[in-house]
Amino acid sequence: MSEPASAKLSSVADRLLPWYDRHARRLPWRAPPGARADPYHVWLSEVMLQQTTVQTVQPYFHAFLARWPSVHELAAAPRDDVLAAWAGLGYYARARNLHACAQTVSRDHGAQFPDTEAGLRKLPGIGPYTAAAIAAIAFDRPSAPLDGNIERVVARLFAVQDPLPGAKETLRARMGDLVPHDRPGDFAQAMMDLGAGICQPRKPRCMLCPLAEACRASARGIAGDLPVKAAKKAKPTRQAVAFWTVRADGCVLLRRRPDKGLLGGMLEVPSTDWTEAAWDAADARGHAPLAAGWTELPGVVRHTFTHFHVTITVWAAQVPADTTVAAGEWWPFDRLSDAGLPTVMRKIADHAVKQGAG
């Protein structure tokens, strides 16, 4: 007589943890199986990993630790330095919240992170997933984090066919049913690793999976079809004009964006608003940072954000060395790489240079 499906699912941790002991990924923020990681390392990595890949995050993680080895040192850093070091990771509200969270932990908690989900949720920038992940991985609490990899594993284990994102609460509850009281932190990381390396989005490697016998989707031959995702809406395209202004002493005009909103607090090449309607020359000129002999450069800059595309026309001008502006700062061109420009702004700078406007 075959083992009931409910019994197989109840043994998920018993099947998965020995696999994790042998196959755990070596990541710079992780402790070996059976050991607890530094909460500062776990928090920093989890914030960086939101909407970003492990491969992309690793050099940033090393750079942050080299510069700010503790949460106290990160809290004491100027926010602009943190934003500049974050440049290229995207979703810049994370960097602002990272700095605010470090200050809160340093000032209000004696540089010690709270060790419960409830306590972690009170910190800036820490939502349900991040709180659960830190509580489990850093403090071995029986929490149920649910990232994209774990969503996929759980959806297949239980053959959940309701589409995401509507099915998230069902998947979170199912994950909670699986979390063991022994080694919950390792279990969470094992589920992440299983999703990353075995239970992949396309062509899941079921023959190598330690949970294959417990997986309802695999038994039904539908693992590759799960999780179901709702159809994505087409992204709109916005238009803008950027003003690449070079002073005769070799400085480039930059300005800082407002704290709230897209790319908040980051330095930018001054531009018009980003609108769905194209800009005509007269309206665009009214948004220029100063009066100058503007020339439209050939070609455009294209960039994609989470919810929209943007197409940017670049206007360039050269101005005298004594030119001043009411808003903005003149940045030496040979130090532009130190400005921490977000990716779209680096694209504008690269485009201007390629067109001979550097």
Protein backbone atom coordinates (compact mmCIF):
# COMPACT_ATOMS: atom_id res chain seq x y z
CA MET A 1 0.00 0.00 0.00
CA SER A 2 1.46 3.39 -0.98
CA GLU A 3 2.14 6.13 1.56
CA PRO A 4 -0.75 8.64 1.81
CA ALA A 5 -0.06 12.05 0.26
CA SER A 6 -0.62 13.78 3.62
CA ALA A 7 2.06 11.61 5.24
CA LYS A 8 4.49 12.40 2.42
CA LEU A 9 3.92 16.13 2.84
CA SER A 10 4.39 15.89 6.61
CA SER A 11 7.86 14.48 5.98
CA VAL A 12 9.02 17.31 3.69
CA ALA A 13 11.50 18.70 6.24
CA ASP A 14 12.89 15.23 6.96
CA ARG A 15 13.53 14.75 3.24
CA LEU A 16 14.77 18.26 2.50
CA LEU A 17 17.20 19.04 5.33
CA PRO A 18 19.61 16.14 4.60
CA TRP A 19 19.63 17.29 0.96
CA TYR A 20 20.42 20.84 2.10
CA ASP A 21 23.26 19.59 4.30
CA ARG A 22 24.89 18.15 1.16
CA HIS A 23 23.95 20.74 -1.47
CA ALA A 24 23.53 24.13 0.27
CA ARG A 25 24.70 27.04 -1.87
CA ARG A 26 27.73 28.86 -0.56
CA LEU A 27 26.70 32.50 -0.31
CA PRO A 28 28.66 35.27 1.43
CA TRP A 29 25.82 36.14 3.81
CA ARG A 30 25.11 32.56 4.84
CA ALA A 31 26.32 30.44 7.70
CA PRO A 32 26.97 26.71 7.09
CA PRO A 33 24.03 24.33 7.62
CA GLY A 34 23.31 23.98 11.32
CA ALA A 35 24.76 27.40 12.24
CA ARG A 36 23.15 30.83 12.56
CA ALA A 37 24.16 33.70 10.31
CA ASP A 38 24.97 37.24 11.44
CA PRO A 39 21.62 39.15 11.56
CA TYR A 40 23.25 42.21 9.95
CA HIS A 41 24.42 40.09 7.03
CA VAL A 42 21.02 38.43 6.66
CA TRP A 43 19.14 41.74 6.75
CA LEU A 44 21.51 43.44 4.30
CA SER A 45 21.35 40.55 1.84
CA GLU A 46 17.57 40.18 2.04
CA VAL A 47 17.01 43.87 1.33
CA MET A 48 19.45 43.73 -1.58
CA LEU A 49 17.88 40.55 -2.98
CA GLN A 50 14.40 42.06 -3.33
CA GLN A 51 13.68 42.09 -7.09
CA THR A 52 17.37 41.34 -7.78
CA THR A 53 19.40 38.21 -8.53
CA VAL A 54 21.98 36.55 -6.28
CA GLN A 55 24.66 37.04 -8.94
CA THR A 56 23.98 40.78 -9.12
CA VAL A 57 23.87 41.23 -5.35
CA GLN A 58 27.10 39.51 -4.33
CA PRO A 59 29.58 42.27 -5.33
CA TYR A 60 27.35 44.92 -3.74
CA PHE A 61 27.15 42.89 -0.53
CA HIS A 62 30.94 42.58 -0.36
CA ALA A 63 31.37 46.29 -1.08
CA PHE A 64 28.89 47.34 1.62
CA LEU A 65 30.50 45.09 4.23
CA ALA A 66 33.98 46.34 3.36
CA ARG A 67 32.83 49.94 3.75
CA TRP A 68 30.34 49.51 6.62
CA PRO A 69 31.16 46.29 8.55
CA SER A 70 28.39 46.78 11.10
CA VAL A 71 24.90 48.21 11.30
CA HIS A 72 26.24 50.96 13.56
CA GLU A 73 28.76 52.07 10.94
CA LEU A 74 26.12 51.98 8.21
CA ALA A 75 23.82 54.09 10.37
CA ALA A 76 26.56 56.69 10.83
CA ALA A 77 27.25 56.99 7.10
CA PRO A 78 25.92 59.98 5.13
CA ARG A 79 22.77 58.92 3.32
CA ASP A 80 24.08 60.21 -0.01
CA ASP A 81 27.06 57.85 0.31
CA VAL A 82 24.71 54.91 0.84
CA LEU A 83 22.58 55.92 -2.16
CA ALA A 84 25.70 56.23 -4.32
CA ALA A 85 26.97 52.81 -3.22
CA TRP A 86 23.55 51.35 -4.06
CA ALA A 87 23.55 52.74 -7.62
CA GLY A 88 22.84 50.00 -10.14
CA LEU A 89 20.81 47.78 -7.79
CA GLY A 90 17.58 49.62 -8.63
CA TYR A 91 14.45 50.16 -6.54
CA TYR A 92 16.14 53.02 -4.73
CA ALA A 93 13.51 53.30 -2.01
CA ARG A 94 15.21 50.20 -0.64
CA ALA A 95 18.45 52.14 -0.14
CA ARG A 96 16.67 54.98 1.66
CA ASN A 97 14.86 52.50 3.89
CA LEU A 98 18.08 50.54 4.44
CA HIS A 99 19.77 53.62 5.86
CA ALA A 100 16.73 54.57 7.94
CA CYS A 101 16.49 51.02 9.30
CA ALA A 102 20.19 50.97 10.22
CA GLN A 103 19.74 54.24 12.11
CA THR A 104 16.71 52.87 13.98
CA VAL A 105 18.47 49.64 14.95
CA SER A 106 21.60 51.51 16.01
CA ARG A 107 19.78 54.23 17.94
CA ASP A 108 16.79 52.41 19.44
CA HIS A 109 17.94 48.79 19.72
CA GLY A 110 21.58 49.05 20.72
CA ALA A 111 22.68 47.90 17.24
CA GLN A 112 20.88 44.57 17.80
CA PHE A 113 18.13 43.49 15.43
CA PRO A 114 14.84 42.36 17.02
CA ASP A 115 14.63 38.57 16.98
CA THR A 116 10.93 38.18 16.18
CA GLU A 117 8.81 38.82 13.09
CA ALA A 118 6.67 41.30 15.01
CA GLY A 119 9.69 43.27 16.18
CA LEU A 120 11.31 43.25 12.74
CA ARG A 121 8.10 44.44 11.06
CA LYS A 122 8.31 47.68 13.05
CA LEU A 123 11.59 48.63 11.35
CA PRO A 124 11.69 50.86 8.23
CA GLY A 125 11.54 48.97 4.96
CA ILE A 126 10.91 45.52 6.45
CA GLY A 127 7.74 43.87 5.18
CA PRO A 128 6.20 40.45 5.83
CA TYR A 129 8.62 38.43 3.69
CA THR A 130 11.80 40.14 4.89
CA ALA A 131 10.73 39.92 8.54
CA ALA A 132 9.97 36.20 8.18
CA ALA A 133 13.24 35.52 6.38
CA ILE A 134 15.39 37.34 8.97
CA ALA A 135 13.51 35.75 11.88
CA ALA A 136 14.01 32.28 10.43
CA ILE A 137 17.54 32.53 9.04
CA ALA A 138 19.18 34.75 11.67
CA PHE A 139 17.25 33.67 14.77
CA ASP A 140 15.92 30.19 13.89
CA ARG A 141 12.33 31.22 14.50
CA PRO A 142 9.65 28.94 12.95
CA SER A 143 8.69 31.58 10.39
CA ALA A 144 7.42 31.02 6.86
CA PRO A 145 9.12 33.35 4.35
CA LEU A 146 7.68 33.20 0.85
CA ASP A 147 9.93 34.43 -1.96
CA GLY A 148 9.57 33.56 -5.63
CA ASN A 149 11.51 30.32 -5.33
CA ILE A 150 9.52 29.13 -2.32
CA GLU A 151 6.24 30.13 -3.97
CA ARG A 152 7.09 27.88 -6.89
CA VAL A 153 8.09 24.91 -4.71
CA VAL A 154 4.97 25.17 -2.53
CA ALA A 155 2.62 25.66 -5.49
CA ARG A 156 3.95 22.45 -7.02
CA LEU A 157 4.08 20.45 -3.80
CA PHE A 158 0.38 21.14 -3.16
CA ALA A 159 -0.65 21.48 -6.84
CA VAL A 160 -2.10 24.94 -6.18
CA GLN A 161 -3.60 26.04 -9.49
CA ASP A 162 -5.05 29.39 -8.47
CA PRO A 163 -3.10 32.14 -10.26
CA LEU A 164 -0.63 34.48 -8.60
CA PRO A 165 -0.68 36.97 -7.05
CA GLY A 166 -4.10 35.97 -5.72
CA ALA A 167 -2.80 32.62 -4.47
CA LYS A 168 -0.09 34.15 -2.24
CA GLU A 169 -2.02 33.81 1.01
CA THR A 170 -2.82 30.17 0.24
CA LEU A 171 0.84 29.48 -0.49
CA ARG A 172 1.96 31.30 2.67
CA ALA A 173 -0.39 29.19 4.77
CA ARG A 174 0.83 26.00 3.07
CA MET A 175 4.45 27.00 3.70
CA GLY A 176 3.57 27.60 7.35
CA ASP A 177 2.26 24.04 7.58
CA LEU A 178 5.62 22.70 6.38
CA VAL A 179 7.99 24.67 8.64
CA PRO A 180 9.60 22.37 11.22
CA HIS A 181 10.41 23.44 14.78
CA ASP A 182 13.88 21.96 14.37
CA ARG A 183 16.17 24.02 12.08
CA PRO A 184 13.50 26.32 10.57
CA GLY A 185 16.20 28.69 9.28
CA ASP A 186 17.93 25.93 7.36
CA PHE A 187 14.56 24.75 6.11
CA ALA A 188 13.74 28.19 4.68
CA GLN A 189 17.10 28.37 2.92
CA ALA A 190 16.73 24.80 1.69
CA MET A 191 13.39 25.70 0.09
CA MET A 192 15.05 28.70 -1.58
CA ASP A 193 17.89 26.55 -2.89
CA LEU A 194 15.52 23.86 -4.11
CA GLY A 195 13.59 26.44 -6.10
CA ALA A 196 16.75 28.04 -7.49
CA GLY A 197 18.52 24.87 -8.57
CA ILE A 198 16.02 21.99 -8.91
CA CYS A 199 12.41 23.22 -8.95
CA GLN A 200 13.18 25.73 -11.69
CA PRO A 201 10.57 27.84 -13.49
CA ARG A 202 10.99 25.98 -16.75
CA LYS A 203 11.87 22.32 -17.03
CA PRO A 204 11.90 21.41 -13.31
CA ARG A 205 14.48 18.73 -12.59
CA CYS A 206 12.05 16.38 -10.85
CA MET A 207 14.33 13.35 -11.19
CA LEU A 208 16.85 15.04 -8.87
CA CYS A 209 14.34 16.47 -6.40
CA PRO A 210 14.37 15.12 -2.83
CA LEU A 211 10.65 15.96 -2.58
CA ALA A 212 9.55 14.31 -5.83
CA GLU A 213 7.59 11.56 -4.06
CA ALA A 214 5.66 14.15 -2.04
CA CYS A 215 4.98 16.52 -4.95
CA ARG A 216 1.36 16.46 -6.11
CA ALA A 217 2.08 18.49 -9.26
CA SER A 218 4.85 16.08 -10.27
CA ALA A 219 2.53 13.13 -9.72
CA ARG A 220 -0.04 14.75 -12.03
CA GLY A 221 2.52 15.74 -14.64
CA ILE A 222 1.77 19.46 -14.29
CA ALA A 223 4.82 20.70 -12.37
CA GLY A 224 6.07 22.74 -15.32
CA ASP A 225 2.72 24.55 -15.55
CA LEU A 226 2.79 25.84 -11.97
CA PRO A 227 2.56 28.32 -10.46
CA VAL A 228 -0.05 29.92 -12.69
CA LYS A 229 0.48 33.64 -13.13
CA ALA A 230 -2.12 36.19 -14.12
CA ALA A 231 -1.52 37.80 -17.51
CA LYS A 232 0.65 40.90 -17.27
CA LYS A 233 -0.63 44.22 -18.51
CA ALA A 234 1.33 45.85 -21.30
CA LYS A 235 3.74 48.48 -19.98
CA PRO A 236 3.16 52.03 -21.18
CA THR A 237 6.00 54.06 -22.68
CA ARG A 238 6.80 57.51 -21.32
CA GLN A 239 8.75 60.28 -23.02
CA ALA A 240 11.29 62.76 -21.66
CA VAL A 241 14.02 65.20 -22.66
CA ALA A 242 17.27 65.19 -20.66
CA PHE A 243 19.61 68.18 -20.59
CA TRP A 244 23.30 67.25 -20.73
CA THR A 245 25.08 70.44 -19.68
CA VAL A 246 28.90 70.62 -19.81
CA ARG A 247 30.74 73.60 -18.37
CA ALA A 248 34.00 74.79 -19.93
CA ASP A 249 35.97 73.67 -16.86
CA GLY A 250 34.92 70.05 -17.49
CA CYS A 251 32.04 69.83 -15.02
CA VAL A 252 28.59 68.34 -15.76
CA LEU A 253 25.36 69.64 -14.24
CA LEU A 254 23.54 67.18 -11.98
CA ARG A 255 20.70 67.68 -9.55
CA ARG A 256 19.19 65.59 -6.79
CA ARG A 257 15.70 64.16 -7.22
CA PRO A 258 13.06 64.58 -4.48
CA ASP A 259 13.15 61.95 -1.74
CA LYS A 260 9.72 60.61 -2.62
CA GLY A 261 9.00 59.00 -5.94
CA LEU A 262 10.96 57.18 -8.59
CA LEU A 263 14.76 57.27 -8.06
CA GLY A 264 14.09 59.31 -4.92
CA GLY A 265 17.11 61.06 -3.47
CA MET A 266 19.40 60.06 -6.35
CA LEU A 267 21.48 62.38 -8.51
CA GLU A 268 20.19 62.80 -12.05
CA VAL A 269 20.85 64.48 -15.34
CA PRO A 270 18.18 67.26 -15.29
CA SER A 271 15.16 66.39 -17.42
CA THR A 272 11.56 67.18 -18.16
CA ASP A 273 8.79 65.22 -16.48
CA TRP A 274 8.33 61.72 -17.87
CA THR A 275 4.99 61.76 -19.68
CA GLU A 276 3.11 59.53 -22.09
CA ALA A 277 2.80 62.40 -24.55
CA ALA A 278 5.88 63.35 -26.55
CA TRP A 279 7.54 66.69 -25.77
CA ASP A 280 7.62 69.40 -28.42
CA ALA A 281 10.69 71.63 -28.55
CA ALA A 282 9.06 74.73 -27.07
CA ASP A 283 7.62 72.92 -24.05
CA ALA A 284 10.86 71.01 -23.44
CA ARG A 285 12.92 74.20 -23.58
CA GLY A 286 10.80 75.62 -20.78
CA HIS A 287 12.06 72.79 -18.52
CA ALA A 288 15.75 73.33 -19.29
CA PRO A 289 17.87 73.99 -16.16
CA LEU A 290 19.33 77.18 -17.69
CA ALA A 291 19.31 79.22 -20.87
CA ALA A 292 21.84 77.82 -23.34
CA GLY A 293 22.34 76.87 -26.98
CA TRP A 294 20.71 73.45 -26.79
CA THR A 295 21.37 70.88 -29.53
CA GLU A 296 19.38 67.66 -29.85
CA LEU A 297 21.71 64.67 -30.05
CA PRO A 298 21.03 61.88 -32.56
CA GLY A 299 19.30 58.77 -31.27
CA VAL A 300 17.47 58.18 -27.99
CA VAL A 301 18.05 56.46 -24.66
CA ARG A 302 15.68 53.63 -23.75
CA HIS A 303 15.18 52.14 -20.30
CA THR A 304 12.63 49.86 -18.65
CA PHE A 305 11.35 50.18 -15.10
CA THR A 306 9.00 47.77 -13.34
CA HIS A 307 5.81 49.42 -14.54
CA PHE A 308 6.79 51.36 -17.67
CA HIS A 309 9.33 51.97 -20.42
CA VAL A 310 10.90 55.38 -20.97
CA THR A 311 12.35 56.89 -24.14
CA ILE A 312 14.65 59.87 -23.53
CA THR A 313 15.84 62.41 -26.06
CA VAL A 314 19.08 64.09 -25.00
CA TRP A 315 19.77 67.77 -25.55
CA ALA A 316 23.33 68.99 -25.02
CA ALA A 317 24.87 72.39 -24.38
CA GLN A 318 28.27 73.78 -23.45
CA VAL A 319 28.38 76.81 -21.12
CA PRO A 320 31.13 79.09 -19.75
CA ALA A 321 33.21 78.01 -16.75
CA ASP A 322 31.66 80.63 -14.48
CA THR A 323 28.07 79.50 -15.10
CA THR A 324 25.98 79.01 -11.97
CA VAL A 325 22.52 77.55 -11.44
CA ALA A 326 19.87 78.01 -8.77
CA ALA A 327 19.32 74.26 -8.36
CA GLY A 328 21.85 71.51 -8.98
CA GLU A 329 25.56 70.92 -8.63
CA TRP A 330 28.48 70.90 -11.04
CA TRP A 331 30.20 67.52 -10.97
CA PRO A 332 33.70 67.02 -12.44
CA PHE A 333 33.31 64.85 -15.52
CA ASP A 334 36.37 62.75 -14.65
CA ARG A 335 34.72 61.88 -11.31
CA LEU A 336 31.26 61.16 -12.70
CA SER A 337 31.63 57.46 -11.84
CA ASP A 338 31.70 58.47 -8.15
CA ALA A 339 28.34 60.24 -8.38
CA GLY A 340 26.36 57.02 -7.91
CA LEU A 341 24.11 57.71 -10.87
CA PRO A 342 21.23 55.23 -11.33
CA THR A 343 21.40 53.08 -14.44
CA VAL A 344 19.11 55.21 -16.61
CA MET A 345 21.21 58.29 -15.86
CA ARG A 346 24.42 56.44 -16.70
CA LYS A 347 22.83 55.54 -20.02
CA ILE A 348 22.16 59.21 -20.70
CA ALA A 349 25.77 60.11 -19.87
CA ASP A 350 27.13 57.29 -22.04
CA HIS A 351 24.90 58.35 -24.92
CA ALA A 352 26.04 61.97 -24.66
CA VAL A 353 29.70 60.96 -24.64
CA LYS A 354 29.25 58.64 -27.62
CA GLN A 355 27.67 61.52 -29.52
CA GLY A 356 30.68 63.73 -28.80
CA ALA A 357 29.04 65.86 -26.13
CA GLY A 358 31.31 64.76 -23.27
